[in-house]
Amino acid sequence: MTKRIFRSILAVSAFVFLVGLALLMGILFRSFQTQMEKELSKEANYLATLLATGGDEVLQKLPKQTDRVTLIDEEGNVLFDNTAHSADMENHADREEIKKARQNGAGVVSRYSNTLQEKTVYYALRLSDGRILRVSGTQDTVVSMLFDLVVPIAGLFLLMVILSVFFASRAAKKIVAPLNSLNLDEPAENEIYEEVAPLLTKISRQQRTIYRQLEKAKRQQEEFSLITEHMGEGIVVIDKQAEILSYNPSALRLLGAEGNFESESVLTLERSEPFRSAVEAALSGQHFNSVLERDGLDCRISANPVRHDGEIAGAVLLLVDVTEKTQGEKLRREFTANVSHELKTPLTSISGFAEILHDGMVKPEDTKQIAGRIFKEAQRLIALVGDVVKISQLDEGCLPYETETVELSAVIGQVLESVRPAAEKAKVSLHIEGGPAELATVKPILEEVVYNLCDNAVKYNRRGGSVTVLIRQDEAQTEIVVSDTGIGISPADQKRIFERFYRADKSHSKEIGGTGLGLSIVKHGAAFLGAEIDVDSVPGVGSSFFLRWEQGLKKEQKLDSVSESLS
């Protein structure tokens, strides 16, 4: 911009100089001509006076440096000329200045000579006797004047150029300086040329619009990042060359990858066949679903193409952890199979004994024994159905109970009294330790959980062993520990004992009885109560089950615990 202003000022200066020079030369030329006409008029009048007093001989005495003087009679014949022989000169009656002098008494005419590049001014004066006295002088033309003044004009032009360059440079810098110092962050606060004010106002409005749009885009990006970063699902966005454009942490976690993978091929995250097929299908314009299995994790891949102007621009890969769902379906299948098996056994016995009675194949004295067997199997069936109902209710979280504050030693004392007959039969002693402790809980569920733990502690104990229930409470937590001196549980079985129908000691399962749902009820009940359940066992030494409540755990957190535990 500075150069453009500089060139403009320089061009204007040159134009003004040339126009001024032309006007000046015209004015000077006109001034010189007027002055010459005045001088020729004076000279002609002087000569006329001399002729009137001294006669024609006066003309012979004129100096050689005098302007050209010509005396013409009434018919136009040249009587005298101080620069040529009068006899050789043609008649001047048709000359313009002669005509004007005869008509008006005086006449002035200028004639140009292209050859000499001169201008001759003729002044004719009519004398009293009718003759015409003409005086003429030469004047340079404009071109001739310019040619004569070419050196001083060139010097003047050079000086003008130097001054124009200097002042144009300074003026351009001075004009541009306020523009260069504009504060475009706050356009409205600039005090500058009035002509620039509308532009600054427009910039200010556009800046505010851009700022709002950027803030909106930034907020949307932050919201999107916040959502995707805390999503359990993984998202990977790729271009049509399968290079990664964006991803969230869950995608790396689900694919077991670490590091920064932007601008790299998506196949650096996972090279398995299902993953490669999903990427290829999406980039070919097809929707694709598949399940990736790796390290005990089941991950569903949903690949969708992204189109722009009808062409494939990339793809979006959605990764969802379906491990829990898969395991849940597996557990449901196992549960259905186990329930079917557990129900089939007592029903088969009941059906068989009933058929025997129906056919009259039983002796009268054996009827009571068979009826007892039918009653025992029916009770087993009722217990199994009851336990299944309890687990279903705990799964749904729809038990019709309310939270109340209970004294733990009293509740546990009642539970121990319930299992005391079975303990006395097995010669197992029961003990309760710990001071008084209160807990806000659902009493029926707590009783059921502790009962199942104590019942198992008695069933799987050695003859003459003991069961101890310890109550501990401090500011941090409340804990109930059920310990026995029984057969113990192997480390491999400890991971599965809370599964439905799982029995650690299958060899004694028929002797001990039960439905195989006791510890599963304990797990779901503890989750419902917001407690953590843990086990510590040594085979041949005994087992300890721990129920822990963190103090200050809110009901909402308990429900979250229930959901996580049940899933």
Protein backbone atom coordinates (compact mmCIF):
# COMPACT_ATOMS: atom_id res chain seq x y z
CA MET A 1 0.00 0.00 0.00
CA THR A 2 2.88 2.39 0.78
CA LYS A 3 4.37 1.80 -2.68
CA ARG A 4 1.04 2.40 -4.38
CA ILE A 5 0.51 5.68 -2.53
CA PHE A 6 4.11 6.67 -3.30
CA ARG A 7 3.67 5.97 -7.02
CA SER A 8 0.33 7.82 -7.07
CA ILE A 9 1.78 10.92 -5.42
CA LEU A 10 4.77 10.83 -7.74
CA ALA A 11 2.54 10.48 -10.80
CA VAL A 12 0.31 13.32 -9.67
CA SER A 13 3.36 15.51 -9.02
CA ALA A 14 4.72 14.85 -12.52
CA PHE A 15 1.33 15.50 -14.09
CA VAL A 16 0.89 18.74 -12.16
CA PHE A 17 4.42 19.81 -13.12
CA LEU A 18 3.81 19.21 -16.83
CA VAL A 19 0.39 20.86 -16.79
CA GLY A 20 1.78 23.81 -14.84
CA LEU A 21 4.69 24.11 -17.22
CA ALA A 22 2.34 24.13 -20.23
CA LEU A 23 0.10 26.74 -18.65
CA LEU A 24 3.09 28.85 -17.67
CA MET A 25 4.53 28.73 -21.16
CA GLY A 26 1.17 29.70 -22.62
CA ILE A 27 0.80 32.59 -20.23
CA LEU A 28 4.35 33.77 -20.88
CA PHE A 29 3.91 33.46 -24.63
CA ARG A 30 0.70 35.47 -24.52
CA SER A 31 2.30 38.04 -22.27
CA PHE A 32 5.30 38.38 -24.58
CA GLN A 33 3.03 38.87 -27.60
CA THR A 34 0.97 41.55 -25.88
CA GLN A 35 4.10 43.32 -24.77
CA MET A 36 5.54 43.15 -28.28
CA GLU A 37 2.34 44.56 -29.79
CA LYS A 38 2.48 47.47 -27.34
CA GLU A 39 6.13 48.14 -28.15
CA LEU A 40 5.47 47.96 -31.92
CA SER A 41 2.54 50.38 -31.48
CA LYS A 42 4.71 52.86 -29.61
CA GLU A 43 7.48 52.53 -32.15
CA ALA A 44 5.07 53.09 -35.06
CA ASN A 45 3.61 56.20 -33.43
CA TYR A 46 7.10 57.60 -32.78
CA LEU A 47 8.04 57.04 -36.41
CA ALA A 48 4.78 58.59 -37.61
CA THR A 49 5.53 61.72 -35.62
CA LEU A 50 9.05 61.86 -37.03
CA LEU A 51 7.72 61.43 -40.58
CA ALA A 52 5.24 64.24 -40.04
CA THR A 53 7.96 66.64 -38.92
CA GLY A 54 11.08 65.45 -40.72
CA GLY A 55 9.82 63.86 -43.90
CA ASP A 56 10.67 60.49 -45.45
CA GLU A 57 14.38 61.11 -45.03
CA VAL A 58 14.00 60.20 -41.39
CA LEU A 59 13.52 56.57 -42.36
CA GLN A 60 16.88 56.47 -44.11
CA LYS A 61 18.57 57.37 -40.89
CA LEU A 62 17.12 54.48 -38.84
CA PRO A 63 19.74 52.31 -37.05
CA LYS A 64 20.36 48.79 -38.38
CA GLN A 65 19.19 47.18 -35.10
CA THR A 66 15.78 48.76 -35.48
CA ASP A 67 12.79 46.48 -36.08
CA ARG A 68 11.70 46.11 -39.69
CA VAL A 69 9.98 49.27 -40.94
CA THR A 70 7.98 49.42 -44.16
CA LEU A 71 6.26 52.41 -45.79
CA ILE A 72 3.41 51.62 -48.18
CA ASP A 73 1.44 54.01 -50.38
CA GLU A 74 -2.31 54.07 -50.85
CA GLU A 75 -2.21 51.51 -53.72
CA GLY A 76 -0.16 49.03 -51.69
CA ASN A 77 3.20 49.71 -53.31
CA VAL A 78 6.22 49.53 -51.01
CA LEU A 79 7.89 52.89 -50.80
CA PHE A 80 10.49 51.98 -48.19
CA ASP A 81 11.73 48.89 -46.30
CA ASN A 82 14.82 48.92 -44.12
CA THR A 83 15.56 45.23 -44.70
CA ALA A 84 14.96 44.87 -48.46
CA HIS A 85 14.84 46.81 -51.73
CA SER A 86 11.42 48.32 -52.13
CA ALA A 87 11.48 47.91 -55.90
CA ASP A 88 11.81 44.15 -55.55
CA MET A 89 8.92 43.77 -53.13
CA GLU A 90 5.39 42.82 -54.22
CA ASN A 91 2.30 44.86 -53.69
CA HIS A 92 1.06 44.76 -50.05
CA ALA A 93 -2.49 45.94 -50.61
CA ASP A 94 -3.92 42.50 -49.82
CA ARG A 95 -2.05 42.08 -46.59
CA GLU A 96 -4.33 41.66 -43.59
CA GLU A 97 -2.67 44.28 -41.43
CA ILE A 98 -2.80 46.82 -44.30
CA LYS A 99 -6.53 46.22 -44.74
CA LYS A 100 -7.19 46.65 -41.03
CA ALA A 101 -5.10 49.84 -40.90
CA ARG A 102 -7.03 51.43 -43.80
CA GLN A 103 -10.35 50.49 -42.24
CA ASN A 104 -9.58 51.08 -38.55
CA GLY A 105 -6.55 53.33 -38.59
CA ALA A 106 -4.34 50.54 -37.14
CA GLY A 107 -4.07 46.76 -37.45
CA VAL A 108 -2.10 43.96 -35.81
CA VAL A 109 -1.53 40.56 -37.42
CA SER A 110 0.73 37.63 -36.49
CA ARG A 111 2.08 35.13 -39.00
CA TYR A 112 4.04 31.90 -38.29
CA SER A 113 7.02 30.62 -40.16
CA ASN A 114 7.18 26.81 -39.98
CA THR A 115 10.63 26.85 -41.44
CA LEU A 116 12.15 29.29 -38.96
CA GLN A 117 9.88 28.23 -36.13
CA GLU A 118 9.28 31.94 -35.51
CA LYS A 119 6.30 34.18 -35.20
CA THR A 120 6.27 37.68 -36.82
CA VAL A 121 3.99 40.39 -35.47
CA TYR A 122 3.03 43.15 -37.91
CA TYR A 123 1.65 46.47 -36.68
CA ALA A 124 0.31 48.80 -39.40
CA LEU A 125 -0.59 52.47 -38.78
CA ARG A 126 -2.41 54.70 -41.24
CA LEU A 127 -0.71 58.08 -41.61
CA SER A 128 -2.51 61.38 -42.12
CA ASP A 129 -1.67 61.41 -45.82
CA GLY A 130 -3.23 57.98 -46.39
CA ARG A 131 0.01 56.00 -46.51
CA ILE A 132 0.57 52.98 -44.26
CA LEU A 133 3.54 52.69 -41.88
CA ARG A 134 4.19 49.13 -40.86
CA VAL A 135 6.52 48.02 -38.08
CA SER A 136 7.21 44.26 -37.51
CA GLY A 137 9.12 42.19 -35.01
CA THR A 138 9.82 38.47 -34.54
CA GLN A 139 8.77 36.37 -31.56
CA ASP A 140 9.83 32.76 -30.77
CA THR A 141 7.12 30.09 -30.83
CA VAL A 142 6.32 27.93 -27.80
CA VAL A 143 8.34 25.08 -29.26
CA SER A 144 11.27 27.38 -29.82
CA MET A 145 10.95 28.76 -26.32
CA LEU A 146 10.89 25.24 -24.88
CA PHE A 147 13.92 24.31 -26.96
CA ASP A 148 15.78 27.32 -25.67
CA LEU A 149 14.77 26.51 -22.09
CA VAL A 150 15.37 22.74 -22.29
CA VAL A 151 18.38 22.78 -19.97
CA PRO A 152 16.82 24.83 -17.16
CA ILE A 153 13.52 22.93 -17.58
CA ALA A 154 15.36 19.59 -17.33
CA GLY A 155 17.14 20.79 -14.22
CA LEU A 156 13.89 22.01 -12.75
CA PHE A 157 12.19 18.73 -13.63
CA LEU A 158 14.99 16.76 -11.99
CA LEU A 159 14.71 18.89 -8.87
CA MET A 160 10.95 18.40 -8.87
CA VAL A 161 11.41 14.63 -9.20
CA ILE A 162 13.84 14.54 -6.27
CA LEU A 163 11.57 16.65 -4.10
CA SER A 164 8.53 14.63 -5.17
CA VAL A 165 10.26 11.35 -4.31
CA PHE A 166 11.27 12.67 -0.91
CA PHE A 167 7.96 14.20 0.03
CA ALA A 168 5.91 11.39 -1.58
CA SER A 169 7.83 8.81 0.42
CA ARG A 170 7.28 10.72 3.66
CA ALA A 171 3.65 11.39 2.86
CA ALA A 172 2.99 7.75 1.96
CA LYS A 173 4.57 6.53 5.19
CA LYS A 174 2.68 9.12 7.20
CA ILE A 175 -0.61 8.15 5.56
CA VAL A 176 -0.04 4.42 6.07
CA ALA A 177 1.37 4.71 9.60
CA PRO A 178 -2.07 5.00 11.30
CA LEU A 179 -3.31 2.06 9.24
CA ASN A 180 -0.34 -0.07 10.29
CA SER A 181 -0.98 0.76 13.93
CA LEU A 182 -4.65 -0.23 13.83
CA ASN A 183 -5.83 -2.37 16.74
CA LEU A 184 -7.88 -4.95 14.87
CA ASP A 185 -8.75 -6.73 18.13
CA GLU A 186 -10.83 -3.67 19.05
CA PRO A 187 -11.61 -1.97 15.70
CA ALA A 188 -14.21 0.40 17.17
CA GLU A 189 -11.64 1.98 19.52
CA ASN A 190 -9.36 3.23 16.73
CA GLU A 191 -9.35 6.96 15.97
CA ILE A 192 -8.35 7.28 12.35
CA TYR A 193 -9.50 8.71 9.03
CA GLU A 194 -13.21 9.18 8.62
CA GLU A 195 -13.06 7.31 5.32
CA VAL A 196 -11.82 4.19 7.13
CA ALA A 197 -14.51 4.30 9.85
CA PRO A 198 -17.15 2.34 7.83
CA LEU A 199 -14.58 -0.36 7.12
CA LEU A 200 -13.62 -0.60 10.80
CA THR A 201 -17.28 -0.75 11.78
CA LYS A 202 -17.85 -3.61 9.34
CA ILE A 203 -14.73 -5.39 10.60
CA SER A 204 -15.96 -4.97 14.17
CA ARG A 205 -19.35 -6.50 13.31
CA GLN A 206 -17.76 -9.35 11.42
CA GLN A 207 -15.30 -9.90 14.25
CA ARG A 208 -18.12 -10.15 16.76
CA THR A 209 -19.92 -12.59 14.47
CA ILE A 210 -16.77 -14.68 13.99
CA TYR A 211 -16.09 -14.59 17.74
CA ARG A 212 -19.60 -15.86 18.48
CA GLN A 213 -19.27 -18.57 15.87
CA LEU A 214 -15.84 -19.61 17.19
CA GLU A 215 -17.16 -19.67 20.76
CA LYS A 216 -20.10 -21.79 19.64
CA ALA A 217 -17.81 -24.14 17.68
CA LYS A 218 -15.38 -24.33 20.60
CA ARG A 219 -18.20 -25.04 23.03
CA GLN A 220 -19.60 -27.73 20.75
CA GLN A 221 -16.16 -29.24 20.33
CA GLU A 222 -15.58 -29.23 24.09
CA GLU A 223 -19.01 -30.77 24.67
CA PHE A 224 -18.31 -33.40 22.02
CA SER A 225 -14.87 -34.12 23.50
CA LEU A 226 -16.31 -34.25 27.01
CA ILE A 227 -19.01 -36.66 25.90
CA THR A 228 -16.74 -38.90 23.83
CA GLU A 229 -13.94 -38.94 26.40
CA HIS A 230 -16.31 -40.17 29.10
CA MET A 231 -18.20 -42.59 26.91
CA GLY A 232 -17.90 -46.26 27.58
CA GLU A 233 -18.18 -46.81 23.84
CA GLY A 234 -15.18 -46.27 21.62
CA ILE A 235 -15.31 -43.98 18.57
CA VAL A 236 -12.76 -43.89 15.75
CA VAL A 237 -13.13 -41.53 12.76
CA ILE A 238 -11.05 -42.32 9.66
CA ASP A 239 -10.65 -40.79 6.21
CA LYS A 240 -10.99 -42.59 2.88
CA GLN A 241 -7.33 -43.67 3.09
CA ALA A 242 -8.12 -45.38 6.44
CA GLU A 243 -5.99 -42.87 8.33
CA ILE A 244 -7.17 -41.94 11.82
CA LEU A 245 -8.69 -38.46 12.16
CA SER A 246 -10.06 -38.71 15.69
CA TYR A 247 -10.65 -41.20 18.48
CA ASN A 248 -11.55 -41.30 22.16
CA PRO A 249 -9.78 -43.06 25.07
CA SER A 250 -12.40 -45.82 25.23
CA ALA A 251 -11.49 -46.90 21.69
CA LEU A 252 -7.85 -47.42 22.71
CA ARG A 253 -8.93 -49.24 25.87
CA LEU A 254 -11.26 -51.60 24.01
CA LEU A 255 -8.63 -52.32 21.34
CA GLY A 256 -5.81 -52.63 23.87
CA ALA A 257 -3.73 -49.90 22.23
CA GLU A 258 -1.61 -47.14 23.76
CA GLY A 259 -0.06 -43.96 22.39
CA ASN A 260 -1.01 -41.32 19.84
CA PHE A 261 -2.34 -42.73 16.57
CA GLU A 262 -3.61 -39.62 14.72
CA SER A 263 -2.64 -39.51 11.03
CA GLU A 264 -1.75 -43.21 11.15
CA SER A 265 -3.53 -46.14 9.57
CA VAL A 266 -6.41 -47.45 11.66
CA LEU A 267 -5.00 -50.96 11.21
CA THR A 268 -2.19 -50.00 13.62
CA LEU A 269 -4.82 -50.23 16.37
CA GLU A 270 -6.00 -53.73 15.51
CA ARG A 271 -4.98 -56.13 12.76
CA SER A 272 -7.51 -58.92 13.28
CA GLU A 273 -9.65 -60.13 10.41
CA PRO A 274 -13.04 -58.90 11.80
CA PHE A 275 -11.60 -55.41 12.34
CA ARG A 276 -10.03 -55.29 8.89
CA SER A 277 -13.25 -56.48 7.30
CA ALA A 278 -15.24 -53.77 9.12
CA VAL A 279 -12.88 -51.03 7.86
CA GLU A 280 -12.89 -52.31 4.28
CA ALA A 281 -16.67 -52.67 4.21
CA ALA A 282 -17.27 -49.14 5.57
CA LEU A 283 -14.84 -47.55 3.09
CA SER A 284 -16.60 -49.41 0.27
CA GLY A 285 -19.90 -47.80 1.31
CA GLN A 286 -21.43 -50.69 3.30
CA HIS A 287 -22.67 -50.91 6.86
CA PHE A 288 -20.87 -53.65 8.80
CA ASN A 289 -21.33 -55.30 12.21
CA SER A 290 -19.02 -57.81 13.81
CA VAL A 291 -17.81 -59.00 17.22
CA LEU A 292 -14.13 -58.90 18.10
CA GLU A 293 -12.94 -61.32 20.79
CA ARG A 294 -9.64 -60.58 22.49
CA ASP A 295 -8.21 -61.25 25.98
CA GLY A 296 -11.58 -62.27 27.40
CA LEU A 297 -13.22 -59.13 26.04
CA ASP A 298 -16.10 -59.19 23.59
CA CYS A 299 -16.26 -55.97 21.55
CA ARG A 300 -18.95 -55.25 18.96
CA ILE A 301 -17.72 -53.25 15.95
CA SER A 302 -20.23 -51.16 14.04
CA ALA A 303 -18.72 -49.52 10.94
CA ASN A 304 -20.62 -46.90 8.94
CA PRO A 305 -19.46 -44.99 5.83
CA VAL A 306 -19.39 -41.18 5.78
CA ARG A 307 -20.45 -39.58 2.50
CA HIS A 308 -19.82 -36.06 1.23
CA ASP A 309 -21.39 -34.88 -2.04
CA GLY A 310 -22.29 -38.46 -2.84
CA GLU A 311 -18.73 -39.77 -2.43
CA ILE A 312 -17.15 -41.79 0.39
CA ALA A 313 -15.18 -39.34 2.56
CA GLY A 314 -14.32 -41.76 5.37
CA ALA A 315 -15.95 -43.91 8.02
CA VAL A 316 -16.95 -43.98 11.69
CA LEU A 317 -16.19 -47.04 13.79
CA LEU A 318 -18.26 -47.56 16.94
CA LEU A 319 -16.84 -50.01 19.49
CA VAL A 320 -19.10 -51.32 22.24
CA ASP A 321 -18.04 -53.59 25.08
CA VAL A 322 -20.60 -56.43 25.05
CA THR A 323 -18.64 -58.68 27.39
CA GLU A 324 -21.17 -58.34 30.19
CA LYS A 325 -24.04 -58.91 27.81
CA THR A 326 -22.35 -61.98 26.34
CA GLN A 327 -21.51 -63.34 29.77
CA GLY A 328 -25.01 -62.49 30.96
CA GLU A 329 -26.52 -64.43 28.09
CA LYS A 330 -24.16 -67.30 28.88
CA LEU A 331 -25.13 -67.18 32.55
CA ARG A 332 -28.80 -67.08 31.66
CA ARG A 333 -28.38 -70.13 29.46
CA GLU A 334 -26.50 -71.92 32.23
CA PHE A 335 -29.08 -70.78 34.76
CA THR A 336 -31.93 -72.08 32.61
CA ALA A 337 -30.14 -75.38 32.11
CA ASN A 338 -29.33 -75.67 35.84
CA VAL A 339 -32.84 -74.76 36.91
CA SER A 340 -34.23 -77.28 34.46
CA HIS A 341 -31.90 -79.92 35.84
CA GLU A 342 -32.56 -79.04 39.48
CA LEU A 343 -36.32 -79.02 38.91
CA LYS A 344 -36.27 -82.20 36.86
CA THR A 345 -34.58 -84.27 39.58
CA PRO A 346 -37.16 -83.80 42.37
CA LEU A 347 -40.05 -83.83 39.90
CA THR A 348 -38.82 -87.13 38.47
CA SER A 349 -38.65 -88.61 42.00
CA ILE A 350 -42.08 -87.29 42.90
CA SER A 351 -43.53 -88.58 39.63
CA GLY A 352 -41.92 -91.99 40.09
CA PHE A 353 -43.12 -92.49 43.67
CA ALA A 354 -46.59 -91.21 42.77
CA GLU A 355 -46.77 -93.64 39.87
CA ILE A 356 -45.83 -96.51 42.17
CA LEU A 357 -48.54 -95.53 44.62
CA HIS A 358 -51.04 -95.09 41.78
CA ASP A 359 -50.36 -98.57 40.42
CA GLY A 360 -50.74 -100.15 43.91
CA MET A 361 -47.29 -101.64 43.80
CA VAL A 362 -46.44 -100.48 47.33
CA LYS A 363 -47.00 -102.54 50.42
CA PRO A 364 -49.12 -100.85 53.06
CA GLU A 365 -46.25 -100.76 55.49
CA ASP A 366 -44.03 -98.97 52.88
CA THR A 367 -46.58 -96.28 52.01
CA LYS A 368 -45.46 -93.98 54.83
CA GLN A 369 -41.83 -94.19 53.74
CA ILE A 370 -42.66 -93.40 50.11
CA ALA A 371 -44.89 -90.52 51.19
CA GLY A 372 -41.98 -89.20 53.25
CA ARG A 373 -39.74 -89.36 50.19
CA ILE A 374 -42.35 -87.50 48.14
CA PHE A 375 -42.64 -84.86 50.90
CA LYS A 376 -38.85 -84.47 51.05
CA GLU A 377 -38.54 -83.99 47.28
CA ALA A 378 -41.48 -81.57 47.31
CA GLN A 379 -39.81 -79.53 50.08
CA ARG A 380 -36.62 -79.53 48.05
CA LEU A 381 -38.58 -78.31 45.04
CA ILE A 382 -40.31 -75.60 47.12
CA ALA A 383 -36.94 -74.42 48.50
CA LEU A 384 -35.48 -74.28 44.98
CA VAL A 385 -38.41 -72.26 43.65
CA GLY A 386 -38.21 -69.98 46.70
CA ASP A 387 -34.52 -69.32 46.13
CA VAL A 388 -35.07 -68.65 42.43
CA VAL A 389 -37.84 -66.18 43.33
CA LYS A 390 -35.55 -64.45 45.83
CA ILE A 391 -32.77 -64.07 43.26
CA SER A 392 -35.26 -62.75 40.69
CA GLN A 393 -36.56 -60.21 43.18
CA LEU A 394 -33.00 -59.11 44.04
CA ASP A 395 -32.19 -58.86 40.32
CA GLU A 396 -35.18 -56.60 39.76
CA GLY A 397 -34.61 -54.62 42.97
CA CYS A 398 -38.34 -54.65 43.68
CA LEU A 399 -38.41 -56.13 47.18
CA PRO A 400 -41.17 -54.53 49.31
CA TYR A 401 -38.89 -53.62 52.21
CA GLU A 402 -37.84 -50.35 53.81
CA THR A 403 -34.57 -49.31 55.37
CA GLU A 404 -34.40 -49.27 59.14
CA THR A 405 -31.72 -48.96 61.81
CA VAL A 406 -30.95 -52.35 63.41
CA GLU A 407 -28.65 -53.56 66.14
CA LEU A 408 -26.35 -56.08 64.43
CA SER A 409 -25.63 -58.31 67.42
CA ALA A 410 -29.36 -58.86 67.95
CA VAL A 411 -29.96 -59.70 64.26
CA ILE A 412 -26.99 -62.08 64.14
CA GLY A 413 -28.08 -63.67 67.41
CA GLN A 414 -31.46 -64.48 65.87
CA VAL A 415 -29.77 -65.95 62.78
CA LEU A 416 -27.51 -68.17 64.89
CA GLU A 417 -30.53 -69.45 66.77
CA SER A 418 -32.06 -70.41 63.42
CA VAL A 419 -29.06 -72.55 62.44
CA ARG A 420 -28.40 -73.89 65.94
CA PRO A 421 -30.37 -77.17 65.45
CA ALA A 422 -28.29 -78.07 62.39
CA ALA A 423 -25.12 -77.00 64.23
CA GLU A 424 -25.90 -79.16 67.28
CA LYS A 425 -26.57 -82.12 65.00
CA ALA A 426 -23.15 -81.62 63.36
CA LYS A 427 -21.47 -80.92 66.75
CA VAL A 428 -20.49 -77.41 65.53
CA SER A 429 -20.24 -74.63 68.09
CA LEU A 430 -21.56 -71.13 67.35
CA HIS A 431 -19.95 -67.90 68.60
CA ILE A 432 -20.60 -64.19 68.24
CA GLU A 433 -17.90 -61.59 68.90
CA GLY A 434 -17.70 -57.81 68.86
CA GLY A 435 -19.44 -54.94 70.60
CA PRO A 436 -22.78 -53.35 69.86
CA ALA A 437 -23.14 -51.80 66.41
CA GLU A 438 -26.01 -50.14 64.59
CA LEU A 439 -26.58 -50.12 60.83
CA ALA A 440 -29.22 -48.54 58.60
CA THR A 441 -30.20 -51.44 56.35
CA VAL A 442 -33.02 -53.68 55.12
CA LYS A 443 -33.40 -56.16 57.93
CA PRO A 444 -35.01 -59.10 56.06
CA ILE A 445 -32.33 -59.04 53.35
CA LEU A 446 -29.55 -58.77 55.94
CA GLU A 447 -30.98 -61.74 57.84
CA GLU A 448 -31.19 -63.77 54.62
CA VAL A 449 -27.57 -62.95 53.68
CA VAL A 450 -26.14 -63.75 57.12
CA TYR A 451 -28.32 -66.87 57.40
CA ASN A 452 -26.97 -68.28 54.13
CA LEU A 453 -23.39 -67.61 55.20
CA CYS A 454 -23.91 -69.23 58.62
CA ASP A 455 -25.85 -72.14 57.12
CA ASN A 456 -23.00 -72.86 54.67
CA ALA A 457 -20.45 -72.47 57.48
CA VAL A 458 -22.28 -75.21 59.41
CA LYS A 459 -22.88 -77.48 56.38
CA TYR A 460 -19.29 -77.40 55.13
CA ASN A 461 -17.68 -77.57 58.57
CA ARG A 462 -15.94 -80.56 60.10
CA ARG A 463 -17.57 -82.42 62.94
CA GLY A 464 -16.73 -80.71 66.20
CA GLY A 465 -15.74 -77.49 64.44
CA SER A 466 -16.88 -73.95 65.13
CA VAL A 467 -18.52 -70.98 63.45
CA THR A 468 -17.68 -67.44 64.59
CA VAL A 469 -19.48 -64.27 63.60
CA LEU A 470 -17.41 -61.13 64.25
CA ILE A 471 -18.91 -57.61 64.28
CA ARG A 472 -16.60 -54.63 63.77
CA GLN A 473 -17.55 -51.00 63.41
CA ASP A 474 -15.55 -47.76 63.33
CA GLU A 475 -15.83 -44.35 61.69
CA ALA A 476 -14.72 -45.71 58.33
CA GLN A 477 -16.74 -48.89 57.92
CA THR A 478 -18.97 -51.59 59.37
CA GLU A 479 -17.94 -55.21 58.91
CA ILE A 480 -19.47 -58.62 59.56
CA VAL A 481 -17.11 -61.61 59.30
CA VAL A 482 -18.46 -65.18 59.23
CA SER A 483 -15.61 -67.66 59.85
CA ASP A 484 -15.64 -71.45 60.03
CA THR A 485 -13.17 -74.28 60.55
CA GLY A 486 -14.47 -76.35 57.66
CA ILE A 487 -13.13 -77.88 54.48
CA GLY A 488 -12.17 -74.58 52.88
CA ILE A 489 -12.36 -73.50 49.25
CA SER A 490 -9.63 -73.80 46.63
CA PRO A 491 -8.37 -70.58 44.92
CA ALA A 492 -9.86 -71.72 41.59
CA ASP A 493 -13.29 -72.28 43.14
CA GLN A 494 -13.21 -68.96 45.04
CA LYS A 495 -13.69 -67.10 41.72
CA ARG A 496 -16.93 -68.98 40.95
CA ILE A 497 -18.61 -69.78 44.25
CA PHE A 498 -21.03 -66.85 43.87
CA GLU A 499 -22.31 -68.17 40.53
CA ARG A 500 -25.76 -69.71 40.51
CA PHE A 501 -25.87 -73.47 41.10
CA TYR A 502 -22.07 -73.64 41.39
CA ARG A 503 -20.87 -76.10 44.05
CA ALA A 504 -17.25 -76.13 45.17
CA ASP A 505 -17.51 -79.58 46.82
CA LYS A 506 -19.57 -81.64 44.37
CA SER A 507 -18.77 -84.91 46.15
CA HIS A 508 -20.69 -83.85 49.27
CA SER A 509 -23.44 -81.87 47.53
CA LYS A 510 -26.03 -84.65 47.73
CA GLU A 511 -25.22 -85.39 51.36
CA ILE A 512 -25.37 -81.72 52.35
CA GLY A 513 -28.40 -80.85 50.23
CA GLY A 514 -29.40 -77.32 49.30
CA THR A 515 -30.21 -75.69 45.99
CA GLY A 516 -26.78 -74.33 45.07
CA LEU A 517 -28.17 -70.78 45.13
CA GLY A 518 -27.17 -69.79 48.66
CA LEU A 519 -24.00 -67.80 47.87
CA SER A 520 -25.61 -66.32 44.77
CA ILE A 521 -28.36 -64.98 47.05
CA VAL A 522 -25.61 -63.66 49.36
CA LYS A 523 -23.94 -61.82 46.46
CA HIS A 524 -27.16 -60.22 45.19
CA GLY A 525 -28.37 -59.45 48.70
CA ALA A 526 -25.06 -57.76 49.63
CA ALA A 527 -25.27 -55.68 46.45
CA PHE A 528 -28.83 -54.68 47.31
CA LEU A 529 -27.68 -53.60 50.78
CA GLY A 530 -24.75 -51.62 49.35
CA ALA A 531 -22.17 -53.92 50.92
CA GLU A 532 -19.04 -55.49 49.51
CA ILE A 533 -18.67 -59.29 49.79
CA ASP A 534 -15.27 -60.95 49.93
CA VAL A 535 -13.90 -64.39 50.85
CA ASP A 536 -10.65 -65.65 52.32
CA SER A 537 -10.26 -69.41 52.48
CA VAL A 538 -7.56 -72.04 52.95
CA PRO A 539 -8.45 -75.63 51.95
CA GLY A 540 -8.55 -77.92 54.99
CA VAL A 541 -8.32 -74.97 57.41
CA GLY A 542 -11.53 -72.96 56.95
CA SER A 543 -13.14 -70.00 55.29
CA SER A 544 -14.03 -66.40 56.20
CA PHE A 545 -16.66 -64.32 54.41
CA PHE A 546 -16.54 -60.54 54.82
CA LEU A 547 -19.46 -58.14 54.52
CA ARG A 548 -18.32 -54.47 54.50
CA TRP A 549 -20.27 -51.20 54.47
CA GLU A 550 -18.50 -47.91 53.86
CA GLN A 551 -19.85 -45.24 56.22
CA GLY A 552 -21.84 -42.45 54.57
CA LEU A 553 -22.69 -44.44 51.45
CA LYS A 554 -25.79 -42.90 49.97
CA LYS A 555 -28.82 -44.76 48.75
CA GLU A 556 -28.07 -43.70 45.15
CA GLN A 557 -24.60 -45.16 45.42
CA LYS A 558 -26.08 -48.34 46.82
CA LEU A 559 -28.40 -48.67 43.87
CA ASP A 560 -25.45 -48.09 41.52
CA SER A 561 -23.59 -50.82 43.36
CA VAL A 562 -26.56 -53.10 42.95
CA SER A 563 -26.70 -52.50 39.19
CA GLU A 564 -22.97 -53.06 38.74
CA SER A 565 -22.97 -56.18 40.91
CA LEU A 566 -26.03 -57.71 39.30
CA SER A 567 -24.62 -57.11 35.82
